[in-house]
Amino acid sequence: FTLPSGDDGQEVTVIVGSTASAAVSILTGAGVTLGATSISLDAANSSVTLRCFSDKWYVVSSHAATIQ
């Protein structure tokens, strides 16, 4: 999943469906940064919620995710 640029305060939640067979990586688009080195949703029903501030996405919450 590639994050677009966002407006300050905008939130996005990414949820992996119950039939996922591989991890989902969170990537950044051009001109966008992530407040972590990497995020991977590792299993079915895992999720991460991100909030944007100054074109940087920060992790607000997660479940069954690897955040580095």
PDB file of N, CA and C in Angstrom:
ATOM      1  N   PHE A   1       0.850  -1.163   0.000  1.00  0.00           N
ATOM      2  CA  PHE A   1       0.000   0.000   0.000  1.00  0.00           C
ATOM      3  C   PHE A   1       0.894   1.224   0.000  1.00  0.00           C
ATOM      4  N   THR A   2       0.643   2.178  -0.905  1.00  0.00           N
ATOM      5  CA  THR A   2       1.451   3.402  -0.993  1.00  0.00           C
ATOM      6  C   THR A   2       0.665   4.581  -0.449  1.00  0.00           C
ATOM      7  N   LEU A   3       1.249   5.262   0.538  1.00  0.00           N
ATOM      8  CA  LEU A   3       0.606   6.427   1.142  1.00  0.00           C
ATOM      9  C   LEU A   3       0.731   7.643   0.232  1.00  0.00           C
ATOM     10  N   PRO A   4      -0.366   8.340   0.006  1.00  0.00           N
ATOM     11  CA  PRO A   4      -0.309   9.587  -0.761  1.00  0.00           C
ATOM     12  C   PRO A   4       0.043  10.740   0.172  1.00  0.00           C
ATOM     13  N   SER A   5       0.265  11.922  -0.380  1.00  0.00           N
ATOM     14  CA  SER A   5       0.409  13.077   0.494  1.00  0.00           C
ATOM     15  C   SER A   5      -0.960  13.338   1.100  1.00  0.00           C
ATOM     16  N   GLY A   6      -0.983  13.884   2.291  1.00  0.00           N
ATOM     17  CA  GLY A   6      -2.248  14.115   2.984  1.00  0.00           C
ATOM     18  C   GLY A   6      -2.311  15.506   3.561  1.00  0.00           C
ATOM     19  N   ASP A   7      -3.469  15.856   4.057  1.00  0.00           N
ATOM     20  CA  ASP A   7      -3.671  17.129   4.738  1.00  0.00           C
ATOM     21  C   ASP A   7      -3.435  16.931   6.228  1.00  0.00           C
ATOM     22  N   ASP A   8      -3.013  17.983   6.910  1.00  0.00           N
ATOM     23  CA  ASP A   8      -2.780  17.895   8.353  1.00  0.00           C
ATOM     24  C   ASP A   8      -4.030  17.363   9.055  1.00  0.00           C
ATOM     25  N   GLY A   9      -3.844  16.352   9.895  1.00  0.00           N
ATOM     26  CA  GLY A   9      -4.930  15.762  10.657  1.00  0.00           C
ATOM     27  C   GLY A   9      -5.645  14.621   9.953  1.00  0.00           C
ATOM     28  N   GLN A  10      -5.368  14.420   8.680  1.00  0.00           N
ATOM     29  CA  GLN A  10      -6.016  13.333   7.937  1.00  0.00           C
ATOM     30  C   GLN A  10      -5.540  11.994   8.474  1.00  0.00           C
ATOM     31  N   GLU A  11      -6.462  11.034   8.603  1.00  0.00           N
ATOM     32  CA  GLU A  11      -6.113   9.697   9.059  1.00  0.00           C
ATOM     33  C   GLU A  11      -6.476   8.664   8.012  1.00  0.00           C
ATOM     34  N   VAL A  12      -5.707   7.586   8.000  1.00  0.00           N
ATOM     35  CA  VAL A  12      -5.994   6.455   7.122  1.00  0.00           C
ATOM     36  C   VAL A  12      -5.760   5.188   7.933  1.00  0.00           C
ATOM     37  N   THR A  13      -6.664   4.222   7.783  1.00  0.00           N
ATOM     38  CA  THR A  13      -6.516   2.921   8.420  1.00  0.00           C
ATOM     39  C   THR A  13      -6.408   1.873   7.323  1.00  0.00           C
ATOM     40  N   VAL A  14      -5.381   1.043   7.414  1.00  0.00           N
ATOM     41  CA  VAL A  14      -5.179  -0.040   6.462  1.00  0.00           C
ATOM     42  C   VAL A  14      -5.423  -1.344   7.222  1.00  0.00           C
ATOM     43  N   ILE A  15      -6.332  -2.177   6.688  1.00  0.00           N
ATOM     44  CA  ILE A  15      -6.677  -3.441   7.323  1.00  0.00           C
ATOM     45  C   ILE A  15      -6.447  -4.566   6.318  1.00  0.00           C
ATOM     46  N   VAL A  16      -5.753  -5.602   6.752  1.00  0.00           N
ATOM     47  CA  VAL A  16      -5.532  -6.770   5.896  1.00  0.00           C
ATOM     48  C   VAL A  16      -6.737  -7.692   6.060  1.00  0.00           C
ATOM     49  N   GLY A  17      -7.319  -8.121   4.959  1.00  0.00           N
ATOM     50  CA  GLY A  17      -8.482  -9.001   4.990  1.00  0.00           C
ATOM     51  C   GLY A  17      -8.191 -10.350   5.623  1.00  0.00           C
ATOM     52  N   SER A  18      -9.226 -11.061   5.939  1.00  0.00           N
ATOM     53  CA  SER A  18      -9.082 -12.337   6.644  1.00  0.00           C
ATOM     54  C   SER A  18      -8.515 -13.456   5.776  1.00  0.00           C
ATOM     55  N   THR A  19      -8.367 -13.232   4.474  1.00  0.00           N
ATOM     56  CA  THR A  19      -7.819 -14.276   3.596  1.00  0.00           C
ATOM     57  C   THR A  19      -6.422 -13.933   3.094  1.00  0.00           C
ATOM     58  N   ALA A  20      -5.739 -13.005   3.750  1.00  0.00           N
ATOM     59  CA  ALA A  20      -4.406 -12.591   3.306  1.00  0.00           C
ATOM     60  C   ALA A  20      -3.423 -13.752   3.393  1.00  0.00           C
ATOM     61  N   SER A  21      -2.592 -13.885   2.380  1.00  0.00           N
ATOM     62  CA  SER A  21      -1.613 -14.962   2.378  1.00  0.00           C
ATOM     63  C   SER A  21      -0.177 -14.442   2.459  1.00  0.00           C
ATOM     64  N   ALA A  22      -0.007 -13.111   2.435  1.00  0.00           N
ATOM     65  CA  ALA A  22       1.334 -12.529   2.511  1.00  0.00           C
ATOM     66  C   ALA A  22       1.261 -11.199   3.248  1.00  0.00           C
ATOM     67  N   ALA A  23       2.393 -10.777   3.794  1.00  0.00           N
ATOM     68  CA  ALA A  23       2.458  -9.504   4.495  1.00  0.00           C
ATOM     69  C   ALA A  23       2.222  -8.341   3.534  1.00  0.00           C
ATOM     70  N   VAL A  24       1.675  -7.254   4.067  1.00  0.00           N
ATOM     71  CA  VAL A  24       1.437  -6.039   3.292  1.00  0.00           C
ATOM     72  C   VAL A  24       2.381  -4.968   3.820  1.00  0.00           C
ATOM     73  N   SER A  25       3.174  -4.373   2.938  1.00  0.00           N
ATOM     74  CA  SER A  25       4.099  -3.305   3.332  1.00  0.00           C
ATOM     75  C   SER A  25       3.465  -1.953   3.071  1.00  0.00           C
ATOM     76  N   ILE A  26       3.727  -1.022   3.969  1.00  0.00           N
ATOM     77  CA  ILE A  26       3.261   0.356   3.808  1.00  0.00           C
ATOM     78  C   ILE A  26       4.422   1.159   3.235  1.00  0.00           C
ATOM     79  N   LEU A  27       4.219   1.751   2.065  1.00  0.00           N
ATOM     80  CA  LEU A  27       5.244   2.525   1.367  1.00  0.00           C
ATOM     81  C   LEU A  27       4.811   3.984   1.289  1.00  0.00           C
ATOM     82  N   THR A  28       5.730   4.865   0.873  1.00  0.00           N
ATOM     83  CA  THR A  28       5.387   6.279   0.739  1.00  0.00           C
ATOM     84  C   THR A  28       5.505   6.714  -0.716  1.00  0.00           C
ATOM     85  N   GLY A  29       4.612   7.623  -1.108  1.00  0.00           N
ATOM     86  CA  GLY A  29       4.657   8.198  -2.448  1.00  0.00           C
ATOM     87  C   GLY A  29       5.672   9.326  -2.506  1.00  0.00           C
ATOM     88  N   ALA A  30       5.804   9.954  -3.656  1.00  0.00           N
ATOM     89  CA  ALA A  30       6.752  11.054  -3.856  1.00  0.00           C
ATOM     90  C   ALA A  30       6.429  12.220  -2.925  1.00  0.00           C
ATOM     91  N   GLY A  31       7.444  12.739  -2.250  1.00  0.00           N
ATOM     92  CA  GLY A  31       7.285  13.895  -1.379  1.00  0.00           C
ATOM     93  C   GLY A  31       6.636  13.594  -0.042  1.00  0.00           C
ATOM     94  N   VAL A  32       6.440  12.328   0.258  1.00  0.00           N
ATOM     95  CA  VAL A  32       5.779  11.924   1.503  1.00  0.00           C
ATOM     96  C   VAL A  32       6.776  11.125   2.335  1.00  0.00           C
ATOM     97  N   THR A  33       6.746  11.302   3.656  1.00  0.00           N
ATOM     98  CA  THR A  33       7.622  10.531   4.532  1.00  0.00           C
ATOM     99  C   THR A  33       6.785   9.808   5.578  1.00  0.00           C
ATOM    100  N   LEU A  34       7.405   8.830   6.193  1.00  0.00           N
ATOM    101  CA  LEU A  34       6.760   8.004   7.198  1.00  0.00           C
ATOM    102  C   LEU A  34       7.521   8.171   8.505  1.00  0.00           C
ATOM    103  N   GLY A  35       6.801   8.288   9.606  1.00  0.00           N
ATOM    104  CA  GLY A  35       7.427   8.472  10.912  1.00  0.00           C
ATOM    105  C   GLY A  35       7.973   7.178  11.494  1.00  0.00           C
ATOM    106  N   ALA A  36       8.332   6.240  10.658  1.00  0.00           N
ATOM    107  CA  ALA A  36       8.938   4.958  11.049  1.00  0.00           C
ATOM    108  C   ALA A  36       9.815   4.515   9.888  1.00  0.00           C
ATOM    109  N   THR A  37      10.740   3.621  10.149  1.00  0.00           N
ATOM    110  CA  THR A  37      11.589   3.104   9.076  1.00  0.00           C
ATOM    111  C   THR A  37      10.800   2.208   8.138  1.00  0.00           C
ATOM    112  N   SER A  38       9.961   1.334   8.718  1.00  0.00           N
ATOM    113  CA  SER A  38       9.129   0.449   7.904  1.00  0.00           C
ATOM    114  C   SER A  38       7.922  -0.016   8.695  1.00  0.00           C
ATOM    115  N   ILE A  39       6.851  -0.352   7.971  1.00  0.00           N
ATOM    116  CA  ILE A  39       5.638  -0.917   8.574  1.00  0.00           C
ATOM    117  C   ILE A  39       5.218  -2.095   7.715  1.00  0.00           C
ATOM    118  N   SER A  40       4.959  -3.216   8.373  1.00  0.00           N
ATOM    119  CA  SER A  40       4.500  -4.413   7.676  1.00  0.00           C
ATOM    120  C   SER A  40       3.312  -4.985   8.437  1.00  0.00           C
ATOM    121  N   LEU A  41       2.211  -5.216   7.721  1.00  0.00           N
ATOM    122  CA  LEU A  41       1.049  -5.879   8.305  1.00  0.00           C
ATOM    123  C   LEU A  41       1.236  -7.365   8.043  1.00  0.00           C
ATOM    124  N   ASP A  42       1.427  -8.123   9.106  1.00  0.00           N
ATOM    125  CA  ASP A  42       1.973  -9.470   8.997  1.00  0.00           C
ATOM    126  C   ASP A  42       0.984 -10.613   8.873  1.00  0.00           C
ATOM    127  N   ALA A  43      -0.271 -10.393   9.184  1.00  0.00           N
ATOM    128  CA  ALA A  43      -1.205 -11.517   9.212  1.00  0.00           C
ATOM    129  C   ALA A  43      -2.608 -11.064   8.842  1.00  0.00           C
ATOM    130  N   ALA A  44      -3.470 -12.026   8.645  1.00  0.00           N
ATOM    131  CA  ALA A  44      -4.874 -11.712   8.393  1.00  0.00           C
ATOM    132  C   ALA A  44      -5.428 -10.920   9.577  1.00  0.00           C
ATOM    133  N   ASN A  45      -6.248  -9.941   9.281  1.00  0.00           N
ATOM    134  CA  ASN A  45      -6.907  -9.077  10.267  1.00  0.00           C
ATOM    135  C   ASN A  45      -5.964  -8.111  10.988  1.00  0.00           C
ATOM    136  N   SER A  46      -4.743  -7.934  10.510  1.00  0.00           N
ATOM    137  CA  SER A  46      -3.848  -6.938  11.098  1.00  0.00           C
ATOM    138  C   SER A  46      -4.204  -5.558  10.537  1.00  0.00           C
ATOM    139  N   SER A  47      -3.805  -4.516  11.278  1.00  0.00           N
ATOM    140  CA  SER A  47      -4.158  -3.161  10.842  1.00  0.00           C
ATOM    141  C   SER A  47      -3.172  -2.139  11.372  1.00  0.00           C
ATOM    142  N   VAL A  48      -3.190  -0.967  10.750  1.00  0.00           N
ATOM    143  CA  VAL A  48      -2.418   0.178  11.226  1.00  0.00           C
ATOM    144  C   VAL A  48      -3.219   1.436  10.882  1.00  0.00           C
ATOM    145  N   THR A  49      -3.227   2.377  11.817  1.00  0.00           N
ATOM    146  CA  THR A  49      -3.857   3.676  11.585  1.00  0.00           C
ATOM    147  C   THR A  49      -2.758   4.725  11.613  1.00  0.00           C
ATOM    148  N   LEU A  50      -2.745   5.576  10.591  1.00  0.00           N
ATOM    149  CA  LEU A  50      -1.719   6.605  10.443  1.00  0.00           C
ATOM    150  C   LEU A  50      -2.387   7.980  10.384  1.00  0.00           C
ATOM    151  N   ARG A  51      -1.716   8.997  10.923  1.00  0.00           N
ATOM    152  CA  ARG A  51      -2.205  10.378  10.859  1.00  0.00           C
ATOM    153  C   ARG A  51      -1.131  11.240  10.210  1.00  0.00           C
ATOM    154  N   CYS A  52      -1.556  12.128   9.319  1.00  0.00           N
ATOM    155  CA  CYS A  52      -0.634  12.980   8.574  1.00  0.00           C
ATOM    156  C   CYS A  52      -0.450  14.330   9.264  1.00  0.00           C
ATOM    157  N   PHE A  53       0.786  14.797   9.287  1.00  0.00           N
ATOM    158  CA  PHE A  53       1.113  16.150   9.733  1.00  0.00           C
ATOM    159  C   PHE A  53       2.316  16.611   8.925  1.00  0.00           C
ATOM    160  N   SER A  54       2.173  17.694   8.188  1.00  0.00           N
ATOM    161  CA  SER A  54       3.239  18.254   7.351  1.00  0.00           C
ATOM    162  C   SER A  54       3.817  17.207   6.389  1.00  0.00           C
ATOM    163  N   ASP A  55       2.931  16.480   5.686  1.00  0.00           N
ATOM    164  CA  ASP A  55       3.302  15.438   4.722  1.00  0.00           C
ATOM    165  C   ASP A  55       4.152  14.326   5.313  1.00  0.00           C
ATOM    166  N   LYS A  56       4.026  14.103   6.619  1.00  0.00           N
ATOM    167  CA  LYS A  56       4.677  12.977   7.277  1.00  0.00           C
ATOM    168  C   LYS A  56       3.595  12.179   7.991  1.00  0.00           C
ATOM    169  N   TRP A  57       3.546  10.873   7.734  1.00  0.00           N
ATOM    170  CA  TRP A  57       2.553   9.997   8.334  1.00  0.00           C
ATOM    171  C   TRP A  57       3.107   9.370   9.601  1.00  0.00           C
ATOM    172  N   TYR A  58       2.339   9.475  10.695  1.00  0.00           N
ATOM    173  CA  TYR A  58       2.742   8.935  11.994  1.00  0.00           C
ATOM    174  C   TYR A  58       1.801   7.810  12.394  1.00  0.00           C
ATOM    175  N   VAL A  59       2.334   6.782  13.060  1.00  0.00           N
ATOM    176  CA  VAL A  59       1.528   5.671  13.533  1.00  0.00           C
ATOM    177  C   VAL A  59       0.729   6.123  14.753  1.00  0.00           C
ATOM    178  N   VAL A  60      -0.579   5.925  14.683  1.00  0.00           N
ATOM    179  CA  VAL A  60      -1.469   6.250  15.801  1.00  0.00           C
ATOM    180  C   VAL A  60      -1.813   4.972  16.572  1.00  0.00           C
ATOM    181  N   SER A  61      -2.074   3.891  15.833  1.00  0.00           N
ATOM    182  CA  SER A  61      -2.350   2.598  16.473  1.00  0.00           C
ATOM    183  C   SER A  61      -2.048   1.473  15.495  1.00  0.00           C
ATOM    184  N   SER A  62      -1.918   0.254  16.048  1.00  0.00           N
ATOM    185  CA  SER A  62      -1.663  -0.905  15.179  1.00  0.00           C
ATOM    186  C   SER A  62      -2.094  -2.180  15.882  1.00  0.00           C
ATOM    187  N   HIS A  63      -2.294  -3.218  15.079  1.00  0.00           N
ATOM    188  CA  HIS A  63      -2.596  -4.555  15.586  1.00  0.00           C
ATOM    189  C   HIS A  63      -1.922  -5.562  14.660  1.00  0.00           C
ATOM    190  N   ALA A  64      -1.142  -6.463  15.216  1.00  0.00           N
ATOM    191  CA  ALA A  64      -0.435  -7.511  14.477  1.00  0.00           C
ATOM    192  C   ALA A  64       0.405  -6.934  13.335  1.00  0.00           C
ATOM    193  N   ALA A  65       1.121  -5.863  13.648  1.00  0.00           N
ATOM    194  CA  ALA A  65       1.981  -5.197  12.653  1.00  0.00           C
ATOM    195  C   ALA A  65       3.399  -5.122  13.193  1.00  0.00           C
ATOM    196  N   THR A  66       4.364  -5.129  12.274  1.00  0.00           N
ATOM    197  CA  THR A  66       5.763  -4.920  12.635  1.00  0.00           C
ATOM    198  C   THR A  66       6.133  -3.497  12.241  1.00  0.00           C
ATOM    199  N   ILE A  67       6.511  -2.707  13.235  1.00  0.00           N
ATOM    200  CA  ILE A  67       6.866  -1.292  13.006  1.00  0.00           C
ATOM    201  C   ILE A  67       8.297  -1.103  13.464  1.00  0.00           C
ATOM    202  N   GLN A  68       9.115  -0.603  12.549  1.00  0.00           N
ATOM    203  CA  GLN A  68      10.531  -0.379  12.899  1.00  0.00           C
ATOM    204  C   GLN A  68      10.867   1.070  12.675  1.00  0.00           C
TER     205      GLN A  68
END
